[in-house]
Amino acid sequence: MPNTGSRRELLLIATGGTISQGRSEPGGEQRPMLSAADLLARTAIQTDHLHCLDLPYPDGVISSGTELLTLARAIERAARKGMDGIVVTHGTDALEEVAYAIDEMLSGTVPLVFTGAMRPSWAADYDGAQNLEQAVRVAARLLPEYGTLVTLRGDIFEAWSVYKSDTVALDAFTARRGAPSGRVNERRVELGWRPTRWNRLGHLPQAMPYSIPILTLGVGDDAALLRLVGERAERPIDGLVVASLGAGSIPPATLGPLRRLADAGLPVVCCSGAPSGPTAATEYYPGMYAELAEAGLIIENFLSPRKARLRLMLSLGLDMPYRPFAREA
């Protein structure tokens, strides 16, 4: 990849999470203790051109659309002030979603890299310092055209593709389609691909107060939950994401209720419930998806259900119809 040099003005935004967890005494209660400056002090990074900003969230998890927009606006302000790259530390449970949402809103404005840790700072196998060092190296050499990236354990992922595949393993993250996009080998950053243009939304909504549940379907599903989100719901929902059985398979009993919701104007997005691969495998199952399209369901081929939910939430906030995530021509 192009080397843009290492003497760039970088910003580290620390939001909490396991990477910042500490404890006051052995066996004591674990809580977020390390600030952005504290995190940098645990690394071998030269900090002359590194600035720090703390935006701590409880347990490092962004739990509302308002909090997500607060982070996005902080990144946007930093980019306008001339930062050449931004690193964000975040809790790993929601890291894939937050990095993807930021990529949708701000991709291309400034190099963005997210990282975290699978072990707290007091653990013997604490991985936060190495992950942070590698993220800073990527941000110092990254071009904005690569979009938002996530790096942990030496692997570099595109934000839309990365997901957490294990709850405790040090190498817990993987790519939704194939191998990681690159590696950090000591001081070398290797990205063996050219930036891909995706049809990202590219704007920040004013607010994201939307209720969009994810419905995970299973064998013999009788559509009981669909009835609860319909006319019997205490609060109307704003959209629905459906995690199908695999390659777009929908149990027959659920198709009718889904059609009624779509006919009523509710945006319904159908994703694969599998961890990788497209939702619509049209080459192997020609014509199989015509019934879903006729029912008004939107088929999302690239994104996981959790990320499709965010794209739908952002689309509604921008008063735009949902367009499936896709490569631009």
C-alpha atoms as a PDB file:
ATOM      1  CA  MET A   1       0.000   0.000   0.000  1.00  0.00           C
ATOM      2  CA  PRO A   2       1.176   3.607  -0.399  1.00  0.00           C
ATOM      3  CA  ASN A   3       3.334   4.813   2.507  1.00  0.00           C
ATOM      4  CA  THR A   4       2.171   8.290   3.431  1.00  0.00           C
ATOM      5  CA  GLY A   5       4.806   8.661   6.137  1.00  0.00           C
ATOM      6  CA  SER A   6       4.739   8.291   9.890  1.00  0.00           C
ATOM      7  CA  ARG A   7       4.949  11.952  10.957  1.00  0.00           C
ATOM      8  CA  ARG A   8       1.282  12.731  10.708  1.00  0.00           C
ATOM      9  CA  GLU A   9      -0.941  14.452  13.247  1.00  0.00           C
ATOM     10  CA  LEU A  10      -3.004  11.643  14.764  1.00  0.00           C
ATOM     11  CA  LEU A  11      -5.827  11.598  17.304  1.00  0.00           C
ATOM     12  CA  LEU A  12      -6.546   8.764  19.735  1.00  0.00           C
ATOM     13  CA  ILE A  13     -10.156   8.626  20.958  1.00  0.00           C
ATOM     14  CA  ALA A  14     -10.640   6.326  23.958  1.00  0.00           C
ATOM     15  CA  THR A  15     -14.210   5.227  24.652  1.00  0.00           C
ATOM     16  CA  GLY A  16     -13.579   2.603  27.343  1.00  0.00           C
ATOM     17  CA  GLY A  17     -14.012  -1.140  26.954  1.00  0.00           C
ATOM     18  CA  THR A  18     -11.789  -4.032  27.982  1.00  0.00           C
ATOM     19  CA  ILE A  19      -8.688  -2.296  26.632  1.00  0.00           C
ATOM     20  CA  SER A  20      -9.106   0.350  29.371  1.00  0.00           C
ATOM     21  CA  GLN A  21     -10.250  -1.985  32.164  1.00  0.00           C
ATOM     22  CA  GLY A  22      -8.181  -2.090  35.340  1.00  0.00           C
ATOM     23  CA  ARG A  23      -8.592  -2.891  39.019  1.00  0.00           C
ATOM     24  CA  SER A  24      -7.371  -1.131  42.122  1.00  0.00           C
ATOM     25  CA  GLU A  25      -6.185  -4.329  43.836  1.00  0.00           C
ATOM     26  CA  PRO A  26      -5.773  -8.038  43.008  1.00  0.00           C
ATOM     27  CA  GLY A  27      -9.205  -9.628  42.925  1.00  0.00           C
ATOM     28  CA  GLY A  28     -10.840  -6.225  43.148  1.00  0.00           C
ATOM     29  CA  GLU A  29     -13.653  -4.893  41.018  1.00  0.00           C
ATOM     30  CA  GLN A  30     -12.790  -4.323  37.372  1.00  0.00           C
ATOM     31  CA  ARG A  31     -13.724  -0.969  35.861  1.00  0.00           C
ATOM     32  CA  PRO A  32     -12.592   1.428  33.116  1.00  0.00           C
ATOM     33  CA  MET A  33      -9.489   3.155  34.482  1.00  0.00           C
ATOM     34  CA  LEU A  34      -7.117   3.905  31.590  1.00  0.00           C
ATOM     35  CA  SER A  35      -7.469   7.157  29.681  1.00  0.00           C
ATOM     36  CA  ALA A  36      -6.193   7.675  26.152  1.00  0.00           C
ATOM     37  CA  ALA A  37      -2.933   9.024  27.582  1.00  0.00           C
ATOM     38  CA  ASP A  38      -2.660   6.039  29.936  1.00  0.00           C
ATOM     39  CA  LEU A  39      -3.127   3.649  27.031  1.00  0.00           C
ATOM     40  CA  LEU A  40      -0.391   5.344  25.016  1.00  0.00           C
ATOM     41  CA  ALA A  41       1.962   5.228  28.014  1.00  0.00           C
ATOM     42  CA  ARG A  42       1.781   1.420  27.921  1.00  0.00           C
ATOM     43  CA  THR A  43       3.087   1.343  24.342  1.00  0.00           C
ATOM     44  CA  ALA A  44       6.387   2.131  22.642  1.00  0.00           C
ATOM     45  CA  ILE A  45       4.709   4.718  20.392  1.00  0.00           C
ATOM     46  CA  GLN A  46       6.364   8.092  19.915  1.00  0.00           C
ATOM     47  CA  THR A  47       3.651  10.502  21.036  1.00  0.00           C
ATOM     48  CA  ASP A  48       4.969  13.815  19.667  1.00  0.00           C
ATOM     49  CA  HIS A  49       2.296  13.894  16.978  1.00  0.00           C
ATOM     50  CA  LEU A  50      -0.432  12.042  18.888  1.00  0.00           C
ATOM     51  CA  HIS A  51      -3.334  13.881  20.499  1.00  0.00           C
ATOM     52  CA  CYS A  52      -5.758  12.358  23.013  1.00  0.00           C
ATOM     53  CA  LEU A  53      -9.510  12.602  23.529  1.00  0.00           C
ATOM     54  CA  ASP A  54     -11.538  10.666  26.095  1.00  0.00           C
ATOM     55  CA  LEU A  55     -15.180   9.882  25.333  1.00  0.00           C
ATOM     56  CA  PRO A  56     -15.859   7.146  27.872  1.00  0.00           C
ATOM     57  CA  TYR A  57     -19.014   5.062  27.666  1.00  0.00           C
ATOM     58  CA  PRO A  58     -20.086   2.575  30.353  1.00  0.00           C
ATOM     59  CA  ASP A  59     -18.155  -0.637  29.687  1.00  0.00           C
ATOM     60  CA  GLY A  60     -17.000   0.840  26.372  1.00  0.00           C
ATOM     61  CA  VAL A  61     -20.309   0.005  24.701  1.00  0.00           C
ATOM     62  CA  ILE A  62     -22.268   2.628  22.777  1.00  0.00           C
ATOM     63  CA  SER A  63     -25.848   1.858  23.711  1.00  0.00           C
ATOM     64  CA  SER A  64     -27.914   4.443  21.834  1.00  0.00           C
ATOM     65  CA  GLY A  65     -28.116   6.294  18.564  1.00  0.00           C
ATOM     66  CA  THR A  66     -27.393   9.525  20.441  1.00  0.00           C
ATOM     67  CA  GLU A  67     -24.102   8.168  21.792  1.00  0.00           C
ATOM     68  CA  LEU A  68     -23.123   6.883  18.361  1.00  0.00           C
ATOM     69  CA  LEU A  69     -23.737  10.308  16.841  1.00  0.00           C
ATOM     70  CA  THR A  70     -21.687  11.939  19.619  1.00  0.00           C
ATOM     71  CA  LEU A  71     -18.694   9.837  18.571  1.00  0.00           C
ATOM     72  CA  ALA A  72     -19.325  10.552  14.879  1.00  0.00           C
ATOM     73  CA  ARG A  73     -19.456  14.297  15.489  1.00  0.00           C
ATOM     74  CA  ALA A  74     -16.236  14.181  17.514  1.00  0.00           C
ATOM     75  CA  ILE A  75     -14.505  12.415  14.617  1.00  0.00           C
ATOM     76  CA  GLU A  76     -15.968  14.884  12.130  1.00  0.00           C
ATOM     77  CA  ARG A  77     -14.693  17.855  14.176  1.00  0.00           C
ATOM     78  CA  ALA A  78     -11.231  16.327  14.448  1.00  0.00           C
ATOM     79  CA  ALA A  79     -11.084  15.804  10.689  1.00  0.00           C
ATOM     80  CA  ARG A  80     -12.038  19.445  10.109  1.00  0.00           C
ATOM     81  CA  LYS A  81      -9.279  20.576  12.469  1.00  0.00           C
ATOM     82  CA  GLY A  82      -6.694  18.857  10.276  1.00  0.00           C
ATOM     83  CA  MET A  83      -6.057  15.507  11.934  1.00  0.00           C
ATOM     84  CA  ASP A  84      -4.312  13.200   9.441  1.00  0.00           C
ATOM     85  CA  GLY A  85      -5.629  10.006  11.014  1.00  0.00           C
ATOM     86  CA  ILE A  86      -7.835   8.870  13.903  1.00  0.00           C
ATOM     87  CA  VAL A  87      -7.627   5.753  16.079  1.00  0.00           C
ATOM     88  CA  VAL A  88     -10.615   4.767  18.248  1.00  0.00           C
ATOM     89  CA  THR A  89     -10.410   2.250  21.084  1.00  0.00           C
ATOM     90  CA  HIS A  90     -13.710   0.540  21.845  1.00  0.00           C
ATOM     91  CA  GLY A  91     -15.200  -2.444  23.604  1.00  0.00           C
ATOM     92  CA  THR A  92     -15.041  -5.536  21.402  1.00  0.00           C
ATOM     93  CA  ASP A  93     -18.669  -6.654  21.871  1.00  0.00           C
ATOM     94  CA  ALA A  94     -19.988  -3.724  19.811  1.00  0.00           C
ATOM     95  CA  LEU A  95     -16.792  -2.765  17.975  1.00  0.00           C
ATOM     96  CA  GLU A  96     -17.887  -4.238  14.629  1.00  0.00           C
ATOM     97  CA  GLU A  97     -21.168  -2.298  14.660  1.00  0.00           C
ATOM     98  CA  VAL A  98     -19.759   1.051  15.785  1.00  0.00           C
ATOM     99  CA  ALA A  99     -16.843   0.908  13.314  1.00  0.00           C
ATOM    100  CA  TYR A 100     -19.258   0.064  10.498  1.00  0.00           C
ATOM    101  CA  ALA A 101     -21.688   2.874  11.396  1.00  0.00           C
ATOM    102  CA  ILE A 102     -18.834   5.396  11.472  1.00  0.00           C
ATOM    103  CA  ASP A 103     -17.671   4.065   8.103  1.00  0.00           C
ATOM    104  CA  GLU A 104     -21.149   4.613   6.641  1.00  0.00           C
ATOM    105  CA  MET A 105     -21.283   8.191   7.858  1.00  0.00           C
ATOM    106  CA  LEU A 106     -17.688   9.425   7.552  1.00  0.00           C
ATOM    107  CA  SER A 107     -15.734   7.138   5.244  1.00  0.00           C
ATOM    108  CA  GLY A 108     -13.216   9.004   3.103  1.00  0.00           C
ATOM    109  CA  THR A 109     -12.978  12.101   5.305  1.00  0.00           C
ATOM    110  CA  VAL A 110      -9.896  10.953   7.250  1.00  0.00           C
ATOM    111  CA  PRO A 111      -8.094   7.618   7.848  1.00  0.00           C
ATOM    112  CA  LEU A 112      -9.999   5.791  10.606  1.00  0.00           C
ATOM    113  CA  VAL A 113      -8.862   2.711  12.530  1.00  0.00           C
ATOM    114  CA  PHE A 114     -10.720   0.967  15.374  1.00  0.00           C
ATOM    115  CA  THR A 115      -9.140  -1.409  17.862  1.00  0.00           C
ATOM    116  CA  GLY A 116      -9.736  -2.913  21.298  1.00  0.00           C
ATOM    117  CA  ALA A 117      -8.603  -5.755  23.518  1.00  0.00           C
ATOM    118  CA  MET A 118      -9.810  -9.180  24.567  1.00  0.00           C
ATOM    119  CA  ARG A 119      -8.009  -9.024  27.925  1.00  0.00           C
ATOM    120  CA  PRO A 120      -8.082  -6.309  30.635  1.00  0.00           C
ATOM    121  CA  SER A 121      -4.943  -4.357  31.453  1.00  0.00           C
ATOM    122  CA  TRP A 122      -4.116  -6.351  34.594  1.00  0.00           C
ATOM    123  CA  ALA A 123      -4.069  -9.728  32.784  1.00  0.00           C
ATOM    124  CA  ALA A 124      -0.731 -11.377  32.012  1.00  0.00           C
ATOM    125  CA  ASP A 125      -1.754 -11.763  28.362  1.00  0.00           C
ATOM    126  CA  TYR A 126      -3.083  -8.203  27.969  1.00  0.00           C
ATOM    127  CA  ASP A 127      -3.308  -7.548  24.231  1.00  0.00           C
ATOM    128  CA  GLY A 128      -4.351  -3.913  24.300  1.00  0.00           C
ATOM    129  CA  ALA A 129      -0.905  -2.320  24.035  1.00  0.00           C
ATOM    130  CA  GLN A 130       0.092  -4.321  20.960  1.00  0.00           C
ATOM    131  CA  ASN A 131      -3.279  -3.800  19.297  1.00  0.00           C
ATOM    132  CA  LEU A 132      -3.034  -0.039  19.897  1.00  0.00           C
ATOM    133  CA  GLU A 133       0.516   0.152  18.533  1.00  0.00           C
ATOM    134  CA  GLN A 134      -0.563  -1.653  15.380  1.00  0.00           C
ATOM    135  CA  ALA A 135      -3.651   0.533  14.941  1.00  0.00           C
ATOM    136  CA  VAL A 136      -1.517   3.689  15.176  1.00  0.00           C
ATOM    137  CA  ARG A 137       0.884   2.315  12.554  1.00  0.00           C
ATOM    138  CA  VAL A 138      -2.036   1.638  10.205  1.00  0.00           C
ATOM    139  CA  ALA A 139      -3.534   5.106  10.752  1.00  0.00           C
ATOM    140  CA  ALA A 140      -0.139   6.714  10.122  1.00  0.00           C
ATOM    141  CA  ARG A 141       0.118   5.081   6.700  1.00  0.00           C
ATOM    142  CA  LEU A 142      -3.492   4.734   5.629  1.00  0.00           C
ATOM    143  CA  LEU A 143      -5.189   6.634   2.816  1.00  0.00           C
ATOM    144  CA  PRO A 144      -8.753   7.846   3.495  1.00  0.00           C
ATOM    145  CA  GLU A 145      -9.980   5.932   0.429  1.00  0.00           C
ATOM    146  CA  TYR A 146      -9.549   2.644   2.305  1.00  0.00           C
ATOM    147  CA  GLY A 147     -12.489   3.506   4.527  1.00  0.00           C
ATOM    148  CA  THR A 148     -12.761   2.614   8.190  1.00  0.00           C
ATOM    149  CA  LEU A 149     -10.587  -0.336   9.175  1.00  0.00           C
ATOM    150  CA  VAL A 150     -10.436  -2.533  12.264  1.00  0.00           C
ATOM    151  CA  THR A 151      -7.170  -4.062  13.443  1.00  0.00           C
ATOM    152  CA  LEU A 152      -6.629  -6.602  16.201  1.00  0.00           C
ATOM    153  CA  ARG A 153      -4.001  -9.279  16.715  1.00  0.00           C
ATOM    154  CA  GLY A 154      -2.119  -8.077  13.627  1.00  0.00           C
ATOM    155  CA  ASP A 155      -5.069  -8.575  11.286  1.00  0.00           C
ATOM    156  CA  ILE A 156      -6.636  -5.692   9.338  1.00  0.00           C
ATOM    157  CA  PHE A 157     -10.324  -5.850   8.383  1.00  0.00           C
ATOM    158  CA  GLU A 158     -12.777  -3.682   6.479  1.00  0.00           C
ATOM    159  CA  ALA A 159     -15.423  -2.380   8.865  1.00  0.00           C
ATOM    160  CA  TRP A 160     -18.369  -3.751   6.844  1.00  0.00           C
ATOM    161  CA  SER A 161     -16.892  -7.281   6.872  1.00  0.00           C
ATOM    162  CA  VAL A 162     -15.368  -7.752  10.317  1.00  0.00           C
ATOM    163  CA  TYR A 163     -17.207  -9.653  13.046  1.00  0.00           C
ATOM    164  CA  LYS A 164     -16.476 -11.145  16.448  1.00  0.00           C
ATOM    165  CA  SER A 165     -16.526 -14.917  16.108  1.00  0.00           C
ATOM    166  CA  ASP A 166     -15.465 -15.911  19.622  1.00  0.00           C
ATOM    167  CA  THR A 167     -16.277 -14.448  23.021  1.00  0.00           C
ATOM    168  CA  VAL A 168     -12.877 -14.902  24.712  1.00  0.00           C
ATOM    169  CA  ALA A 169     -10.203 -15.956  22.186  1.00  0.00           C
ATOM    170  CA  LEU A 170      -7.365 -13.516  21.538  1.00  0.00           C
ATOM    171  CA  ASP A 171      -7.926 -13.959  17.793  1.00  0.00           C
ATOM    172  CA  ALA A 172     -11.664 -13.448  18.169  1.00  0.00           C
ATOM    173  CA  PHE A 173     -12.243 -11.402  15.014  1.00  0.00           C
ATOM    174  CA  THR A 174     -12.588 -12.602  11.460  1.00  0.00           C
ATOM    175  CA  ALA A 175     -13.899 -11.441   8.090  1.00  0.00           C
ATOM    176  CA  ARG A 176     -17.423 -12.085   6.833  1.00  0.00           C
ATOM    177  CA  ARG A 177     -16.083 -12.918   3.374  1.00  0.00           C
ATOM    178  CA  GLY A 178     -12.709 -14.654   3.293  1.00  0.00           C
ATOM    179  CA  ALA A 179      -9.419 -13.655   4.860  1.00  0.00           C
ATOM    180  CA  PRO A 180      -8.455 -10.366   6.551  1.00  0.00           C
ATOM    181  CA  SER A 181      -7.675  -7.485   4.215  1.00  0.00           C
ATOM    182  CA  GLY A 182      -4.139  -7.048   5.492  1.00  0.00           C
ATOM    183  CA  ARG A 183      -1.571  -7.623   8.211  1.00  0.00           C
ATOM    184  CA  VAL A 184       0.684  -5.622  10.479  1.00  0.00           C
ATOM    185  CA  ASN A 185       4.041  -7.395  10.548  1.00  0.00           C
ATOM    186  CA  GLU A 186       6.268  -5.654  13.071  1.00  0.00           C
ATOM    187  CA  ARG A 187       6.600  -2.140  11.589  1.00  0.00           C
ATOM    188  CA  ARG A 188       5.284  -3.061   8.145  1.00  0.00           C
ATOM    189  CA  VAL A 189       1.658  -2.453   7.207  1.00  0.00           C
ATOM    190  CA  GLU A 190       0.523  -4.732   4.382  1.00  0.00           C
ATOM    191  CA  LEU A 191      -2.737  -4.114   2.549  1.00  0.00           C
ATOM    192  CA  GLY A 192      -2.719  -6.214  -0.606  1.00  0.00           C
ATOM    193  CA  TRP A 193      -5.751  -4.613  -2.252  1.00  0.00           C
ATOM    194  CA  ARG A 194      -6.847  -1.307  -3.693  1.00  0.00           C
ATOM    195  CA  PRO A 195      -9.611   0.679  -1.967  1.00  0.00           C
ATOM    196  CA  THR A 196     -13.096  -0.590  -2.794  1.00  0.00           C
ATOM    197  CA  ARG A 197     -15.818   1.968  -3.455  1.00  0.00           C
ATOM    198  CA  TRP A 198     -19.021   1.053  -1.646  1.00  0.00           C
ATOM    199  CA  ASN A 199     -22.328   2.922  -1.824  1.00  0.00           C
ATOM    200  CA  ARG A 200     -21.924   4.316   1.680  1.00  0.00           C
ATOM    201  CA  LEU A 201     -24.450   6.841   2.964  1.00  0.00           C
ATOM    202  CA  GLY A 202     -21.843   9.544   3.576  1.00  0.00           C
ATOM    203  CA  HIS A 203     -23.843  11.784   5.943  1.00  0.00           C
ATOM    204  CA  LEU A 204     -24.715  12.112   9.621  1.00  0.00           C
ATOM    205  CA  PRO A 205     -28.422  12.154  10.492  1.00  0.00           C
ATOM    206  CA  GLN A 206     -29.684  14.670  13.025  1.00  0.00           C
ATOM    207  CA  ALA A 207     -31.006  11.881  15.251  1.00  0.00           C
ATOM    208  CA  MET A 208     -31.475   8.104  15.348  1.00  0.00           C
ATOM    209  CA  PRO A 209     -34.515   7.464  17.581  1.00  0.00           C
ATOM    210  CA  TYR A 210     -35.655   4.426  15.656  1.00  0.00           C
ATOM    211  CA  SER A 211     -36.865   1.033  16.849  1.00  0.00           C
ATOM    212  CA  ILE A 212     -35.626  -1.709  14.520  1.00  0.00           C
ATOM    213  CA  PRO A 213     -35.597  -5.247  15.917  1.00  0.00           C
ATOM    214  CA  ILE A 214     -33.798  -8.219  14.382  1.00  0.00           C
ATOM    215  CA  LEU A 215     -35.919 -11.337  13.878  1.00  0.00           C
ATOM    216  CA  THR A 216     -33.851 -14.540  13.746  1.00  0.00           C
ATOM    217  CA  LEU A 217     -35.771 -17.340  12.043  1.00  0.00           C
ATOM    218  CA  GLY A 218     -35.480 -21.055  12.713  1.00  0.00           C
ATOM    219  CA  VAL A 219     -36.801 -24.356  11.442  1.00  0.00           C
ATOM    220  CA  GLY A 220     -40.575 -24.557  11.759  1.00  0.00           C
ATOM    221  CA  ASP A 221     -40.876 -20.926  12.853  1.00  0.00           C
ATOM    222  CA  ASP A 222     -44.568 -20.183  13.436  1.00  0.00           C
ATOM    223  CA  ALA A 223     -44.289 -16.377  13.126  1.00  0.00           C
ATOM    224  CA  ALA A 224     -45.313 -15.797  16.755  1.00  0.00           C
ATOM    225  CA  LEU A 225     -42.890 -12.893  17.193  1.00  0.00           C
ATOM    226  CA  LEU A 226     -44.065 -11.323  13.939  1.00  0.00           C
ATOM    227  CA  ARG A 227     -47.550 -11.108  15.367  1.00  0.00           C
ATOM    228  CA  LEU A 228     -46.144  -9.304  18.408  1.00  0.00           C
ATOM    229  CA  VAL A 229     -44.430  -6.633  16.283  1.00  0.00           C
ATOM    230  CA  GLY A 230     -47.541  -6.047  14.212  1.00  0.00           C
ATOM    231  CA  GLU A 231     -50.839  -4.596  15.277  1.00  0.00           C
ATOM    232  CA  ARG A 232     -50.482  -5.923  18.851  1.00  0.00           C
ATOM    233  CA  ALA A 233     -47.231  -4.072  19.527  1.00  0.00           C
ATOM    234  CA  GLU A 234     -47.206  -1.604  22.445  1.00  0.00           C
ATOM    235  CA  ARG A 235     -44.992   0.688  20.367  1.00  0.00           C
ATOM    236  CA  PRO A 236     -44.892   0.667  16.568  1.00  0.00           C
ATOM    237  CA  ILE A 237     -41.557  -0.341  15.126  1.00  0.00           C
ATOM    238  CA  ASP A 238     -39.838   1.645  12.381  1.00  0.00           C
ATOM    239  CA  GLY A 239     -38.337  -1.262  10.460  1.00  0.00           C
ATOM    240  CA  LEU A 240     -37.438  -4.921  10.687  1.00  0.00           C
ATOM    241  CA  VAL A 241     -34.343  -6.955   9.854  1.00  0.00           C
ATOM    242  CA  VAL A 242     -34.846 -10.664   9.212  1.00  0.00           C
ATOM    243  CA  ALA A 243     -32.008 -13.163   9.687  1.00  0.00           C
ATOM    244  CA  SER A 244     -32.963 -16.009   7.359  1.00  0.00           C
ATOM    245  CA  LEU A 245     -31.997 -19.652   7.844  1.00  0.00           C
ATOM    246  CA  GLY A 246     -29.117 -19.408   5.372  1.00  0.00           C
ATOM    247  CA  ALA A 247     -29.235 -18.495   1.702  1.00  0.00           C
ATOM    248  CA  GLY A 248     -32.468 -16.519   2.028  1.00  0.00           C
ATOM    249  CA  SER A 249     -34.580 -19.423   3.262  1.00  0.00           C
ATOM    250  CA  ILE A 250     -37.755 -18.202   4.985  1.00  0.00           C
ATOM    251  CA  PRO A 251     -40.053 -20.699   6.779  1.00  0.00           C
ATOM    252  CA  PRO A 252     -43.414 -20.743   4.923  1.00  0.00           C
ATOM    253  CA  ALA A 253     -45.457 -19.686   7.961  1.00  0.00           C
ATOM    254  CA  THR A 254     -43.481 -16.447   8.291  1.00  0.00           C
ATOM    255  CA  LEU A 255     -43.761 -15.225   4.707  1.00  0.00           C
ATOM    256  CA  GLY A 256     -47.398 -14.109   4.973  1.00  0.00           C
ATOM    257  CA  PRO A 257     -46.872 -11.966   8.111  1.00  0.00           C
ATOM    258  CA  LEU A 258     -43.713 -10.470   6.574  1.00  0.00           C
ATOM    259  CA  ARG A 259     -45.652  -9.600   3.428  1.00  0.00           C
ATOM    260  CA  ARG A 260     -48.352  -7.857   5.467  1.00  0.00           C
ATOM    261  CA  LEU A 261     -45.757  -5.757   7.285  1.00  0.00           C
ATOM    262  CA  ALA A 262     -44.087  -4.790   3.997  1.00  0.00           C
ATOM    263  CA  ASP A 263     -47.471  -4.004   2.403  1.00  0.00           C
ATOM    264  CA  ALA A 264     -48.192  -1.686   5.334  1.00  0.00           C
ATOM    265  CA  GLY A 265     -45.089   0.308   4.436  1.00  0.00           C
ATOM    266  CA  LEU A 266     -42.653  -1.107   6.981  1.00  0.00           C
ATOM    267  CA  PRO A 267     -39.126  -1.531   5.553  1.00  0.00           C
ATOM    268  CA  VAL A 268     -38.186  -5.208   5.923  1.00  0.00           C
ATOM    269  CA  VAL A 269     -34.584  -6.196   5.163  1.00  0.00           C
ATOM    270  CA  CYS A 270     -33.688  -9.866   4.702  1.00  0.00           C
ATOM    271  CA  CYS A 271     -30.129 -10.970   5.527  1.00  0.00           C
ATOM    272  CA  SER A 272     -28.472 -14.348   5.780  1.00  0.00           C
ATOM    273  CA  GLY A 273     -28.261 -15.751   9.271  1.00  0.00           C
ATOM    274  CA  ALA A 274     -25.019 -17.500   8.269  1.00  0.00           C
ATOM    275  CA  PRO A 275     -21.746 -15.858   9.336  1.00  0.00           C
ATOM    276  CA  SER A 276     -20.538 -15.525   5.747  1.00  0.00           C
ATOM    277  CA  GLY A 277     -21.695 -15.605   2.138  1.00  0.00           C
ATOM    278  CA  PRO A 278     -24.474 -13.870   0.192  1.00  0.00           C
ATOM    279  CA  THR A 279     -28.136 -13.981   1.153  1.00  0.00           C
ATOM    280  CA  ALA A 280     -29.325 -14.672  -2.401  1.00  0.00           C
ATOM    281  CA  ALA A 281     -27.376 -17.443  -4.129  1.00  0.00           C
ATOM    282  CA  THR A 282     -29.105 -16.859  -7.469  1.00  0.00           C
ATOM    283  CA  GLU A 283     -26.684 -18.937  -9.538  1.00  0.00           C
ATOM    284  CA  TYR A 284     -27.507 -22.091  -7.602  1.00  0.00           C
ATOM    285  CA  TYR A 285     -31.152 -21.310  -6.822  1.00  0.00           C
ATOM    286  CA  PRO A 286     -32.547 -19.365  -9.804  1.00  0.00           C
ATOM    287  CA  GLY A 287     -36.008 -17.960  -9.194  1.00  0.00           C
ATOM    288  CA  MET A 288     -35.927 -18.866  -5.521  1.00  0.00           C
ATOM    289  CA  TYR A 289     -35.990 -15.244  -4.380  1.00  0.00           C
ATOM    290  CA  ALA A 290     -38.792 -13.947  -6.602  1.00  0.00           C
ATOM    291  CA  GLU A 291     -41.330 -14.659  -3.872  1.00  0.00           C
ATOM    292  CA  LEU A 292     -39.354 -12.602  -1.342  1.00  0.00           C
ATOM    293  CA  ALA A 293     -39.056  -9.668  -3.753  1.00  0.00           C
ATOM    294  CA  GLU A 294     -42.756  -9.872  -4.582  1.00  0.00           C
ATOM    295  CA  ALA A 295     -43.523  -9.802  -0.861  1.00  0.00           C
ATOM    296  CA  GLY A 296     -41.687  -6.473  -0.649  1.00  0.00           C
ATOM    297  CA  LEU A 297     -38.643  -7.713   1.249  1.00  0.00           C
ATOM    298  CA  ILE A 298     -35.291  -6.028   0.563  1.00  0.00           C
ATOM    299  CA  ILE A 299     -32.510  -8.577   0.112  1.00  0.00           C
ATOM    300  CA  GLU A 300     -29.171  -7.558   1.659  1.00  0.00           C
ATOM    301  CA  ASN A 301     -26.314  -9.650   0.255  1.00  0.00           C
ATOM    302  CA  PHE A 302     -23.252  -8.265   2.042  1.00  0.00           C
ATOM    303  CA  LEU A 303     -24.102  -7.113   5.543  1.00  0.00           C
ATOM    304  CA  SER A 304     -24.763  -9.107   8.678  1.00  0.00           C
ATOM    305  CA  PRO A 305     -28.171  -8.560  10.324  1.00  0.00           C
ATOM    306  CA  ARG A 306     -26.650  -6.301  12.989  1.00  0.00           C
ATOM    307  CA  LYS A 307     -25.000  -4.072  10.403  1.00  0.00           C
ATOM    308  CA  ALA A 308     -28.052  -4.045   8.127  1.00  0.00           C
ATOM    309  CA  ARG A 309     -30.018  -2.810  11.142  1.00  0.00           C
ATOM    310  CA  LEU A 310     -27.598   0.117  11.493  1.00  0.00           C
ATOM    311  CA  ARG A 311     -27.765   0.911   7.778  1.00  0.00           C
ATOM    312  CA  LEU A 312     -31.563   0.936   7.968  1.00  0.00           C
ATOM    313  CA  MET A 313     -31.462   3.122  11.075  1.00  0.00           C
ATOM    314  CA  LEU A 314     -29.130   5.616   9.390  1.00  0.00           C
ATOM    315  CA  SER A 315     -31.199   5.568   6.192  1.00  0.00           C
ATOM    316  CA  LEU A 316     -34.352   6.417   8.116  1.00  0.00           C
ATOM    317  CA  GLY A 317     -32.495   9.188   9.941  1.00  0.00           C
ATOM    318  CA  LEU A 318     -31.488  10.643   6.585  1.00  0.00           C
ATOM    319  CA  ASP A 319     -35.017  10.207   5.190  1.00  0.00           C
ATOM    320  CA  MET A 320     -33.736   7.801   2.529  1.00  0.00           C
ATOM    321  CA  PRO A 321     -35.058   4.429   1.387  1.00  0.00           C
ATOM    322  CA  TYR A 322     -32.879   1.453   2.261  1.00  0.00           C
ATOM    323  CA  ARG A 323     -30.485   0.529  -0.550  1.00  0.00           C
ATOM    324  CA  PRO A 324     -28.586  -2.759  -0.202  1.00  0.00           C
ATOM    325  CA  PHE A 325     -24.893  -2.319   0.535  1.00  0.00           C
ATOM    326  CA  ALA A 326     -22.995  -2.858  -2.719  1.00  0.00           C
ATOM    327  CA  ARG A 327     -19.844  -2.018  -4.632  1.00  0.00           C
ATOM    328  CA  GLU A 328     -20.056   1.079  -6.779  1.00  0.00           C
ATOM    329  CA  ALA A 329     -19.349   0.698 -10.469  1.00  0.00           C
END
